[in-house]
Amino acid sequence: MPDTYELALAELEQLVSGLDAGQLPLDQLLAQYQRGAQLLQFCRDRLKIVENQIKVLEDGELKSWTPN
């Protein structure tokens, strides 16, 4: 996996462009789709980590985290 969210997103964007072009053989299409799914999950995981760092669940409401 890429080291950063930004690198993963850039690779994912390239994959989507290639898939949209519709020029790949079926076996490559499947491999690119699987790689895209992995990258998407990586990006989602990174976003969730950041979200958890800046927000806290308090009394059933999601609020911005503020240091004490």
C-alpha atoms as a PDB file:
ATOM      1  CA  MET A   1       0.000   0.000   0.000  1.00  0.00           C
ATOM      2  CA  PRO A   2       1.082   3.580  -0.482  1.00  0.00           C
ATOM      3  CA  ASP A   3       2.616   5.429   2.443  1.00  0.00           C
ATOM      4  CA  THR A   4       0.074   8.248   2.467  1.00  0.00           C
ATOM      5  CA  TYR A   5      -3.557   8.995   1.774  1.00  0.00           C
ATOM      6  CA  GLU A   6      -2.550  11.386  -0.999  1.00  0.00           C
ATOM      7  CA  LEU A   7      -0.491   8.745  -2.827  1.00  0.00           C
ATOM      8  CA  ALA A   8      -3.298   6.213  -2.516  1.00  0.00           C
ATOM      9  CA  LEU A   9      -5.821   8.716  -3.831  1.00  0.00           C
ATOM     10  CA  ALA A  10      -3.595   9.615  -6.792  1.00  0.00           C
ATOM     11  CA  GLU A  11      -3.176   5.940  -7.692  1.00  0.00           C
ATOM     12  CA  LEU A  12      -6.909   5.367  -7.307  1.00  0.00           C
ATOM     13  CA  GLU A  13      -7.653   8.288  -9.632  1.00  0.00           C
ATOM     14  CA  GLN A  14      -5.287   6.815 -12.233  1.00  0.00           C
ATOM     15  CA  LEU A  15      -6.998   3.424 -11.964  1.00  0.00           C
ATOM     16  CA  VAL A  16     -10.434   4.963 -12.376  1.00  0.00           C
ATOM     17  CA  SER A  17      -9.275   6.833 -15.486  1.00  0.00           C
ATOM     18  CA  GLY A  18      -7.925   3.594 -16.945  1.00  0.00           C
ATOM     19  CA  LEU A  19     -11.124   1.715 -16.143  1.00  0.00           C
ATOM     20  CA  ASP A  20     -13.243   4.487 -17.641  1.00  0.00           C
ATOM     21  CA  ALA A  21     -11.246   4.319 -20.876  1.00  0.00           C
ATOM     22  CA  GLY A  22     -12.484   0.758 -21.351  1.00  0.00           C
ATOM     23  CA  GLN A  23      -9.345  -0.374 -23.172  1.00  0.00           C
ATOM     24  CA  LEU A  24      -8.143  -3.058 -20.743  1.00  0.00           C
ATOM     25  CA  PRO A  25      -8.420  -6.799 -21.350  1.00  0.00           C
ATOM     26  CA  LEU A  26     -10.816  -8.557 -18.970  1.00  0.00           C
ATOM     27  CA  ASP A  27      -8.113 -10.089 -16.732  1.00  0.00           C
ATOM     28  CA  GLN A  28      -6.377  -6.715 -16.318  1.00  0.00           C
ATOM     29  CA  LEU A  29      -9.726  -5.071 -15.725  1.00  0.00           C
ATOM     30  CA  LEU A  30     -10.404  -7.412 -12.812  1.00  0.00           C
ATOM     31  CA  ALA A  31      -6.921  -6.878 -11.346  1.00  0.00           C
ATOM     32  CA  GLN A  32      -7.284  -3.088 -11.615  1.00  0.00           C
ATOM     33  CA  TYR A  33     -10.725  -3.245 -10.016  1.00  0.00           C
ATOM     34  CA  GLN A  34      -9.357  -5.293  -7.099  1.00  0.00           C
ATOM     35  CA  ARG A  35      -6.451  -2.886  -6.614  1.00  0.00           C
ATOM     36  CA  GLY A  36      -8.908   0.011  -6.688  1.00  0.00           C
ATOM     37  CA  ALA A  37     -11.019  -1.645  -3.989  1.00  0.00           C
ATOM     38  CA  GLN A  38      -7.903  -2.035  -1.802  1.00  0.00           C
ATOM     39  CA  LEU A  39      -6.928   1.592  -2.323  1.00  0.00           C
ATOM     40  CA  LEU A  40     -10.441   2.759  -1.575  1.00  0.00           C
ATOM     41  CA  GLN A  41     -10.460   0.834   1.700  1.00  0.00           C
ATOM     42  CA  PHE A  42      -7.032   2.246   2.590  1.00  0.00           C
ATOM     43  CA  CYS A  43      -8.315   5.800   1.979  1.00  0.00           C
ATOM     44  CA  ARG A  44     -11.486   5.175   3.982  1.00  0.00           C
ATOM     45  CA  ASP A  45      -9.444   3.773   6.877  1.00  0.00           C
ATOM     46  CA  ARG A  46      -7.145   6.802   6.881  1.00  0.00           C
ATOM     47  CA  LEU A  47     -10.094   9.207   6.806  1.00  0.00           C
ATOM     48  CA  LYS A  48     -11.727   7.364   9.708  1.00  0.00           C
ATOM     49  CA  ILE A  49      -8.524   7.617  11.749  1.00  0.00           C
ATOM     50  CA  VAL A  50      -8.376  11.359  11.164  1.00  0.00           C
ATOM     51  CA  GLU A  51     -12.070  11.760  11.906  1.00  0.00           C
ATOM     52  CA  ASN A  52     -11.645   9.883  15.182  1.00  0.00           C
ATOM     53  CA  GLN A  53      -8.752  12.128  16.122  1.00  0.00           C
ATOM     54  CA  ILE A  54     -10.655  15.379  15.640  1.00  0.00           C
ATOM     55  CA  LYS A  55     -14.119  14.400  16.862  1.00  0.00           C
ATOM     56  CA  VAL A  56     -15.478  12.782  19.966  1.00  0.00           C
ATOM     57  CA  LEU A  57     -18.809  11.180  20.654  1.00  0.00           C
ATOM     58  CA  GLU A  58     -20.465  13.047  23.506  1.00  0.00           C
ATOM     59  CA  ASP A  59     -24.036  12.452  24.682  1.00  0.00           C
ATOM     60  CA  GLY A  60     -24.969  10.862  21.361  1.00  0.00           C
ATOM     61  CA  GLU A  61     -23.789  13.850  19.307  1.00  0.00           C
ATOM     62  CA  LEU A  62     -20.665  14.059  17.189  1.00  0.00           C
ATOM     63  CA  LYS A  63     -18.833  17.208  18.201  1.00  0.00           C
ATOM     64  CA  SER A  64     -15.491  18.742  17.333  1.00  0.00           C
ATOM     65  CA  TRP A  65     -12.736  17.760  19.708  1.00  0.00           C
ATOM     66  CA  THR A  66     -11.244  20.571  21.740  1.00  0.00           C
ATOM     67  CA  PRO A  67      -8.213  20.140  23.980  1.00  0.00           C
ATOM     68  CA  ASN A  68      -8.754  20.836  27.682  1.00  0.00           C
END
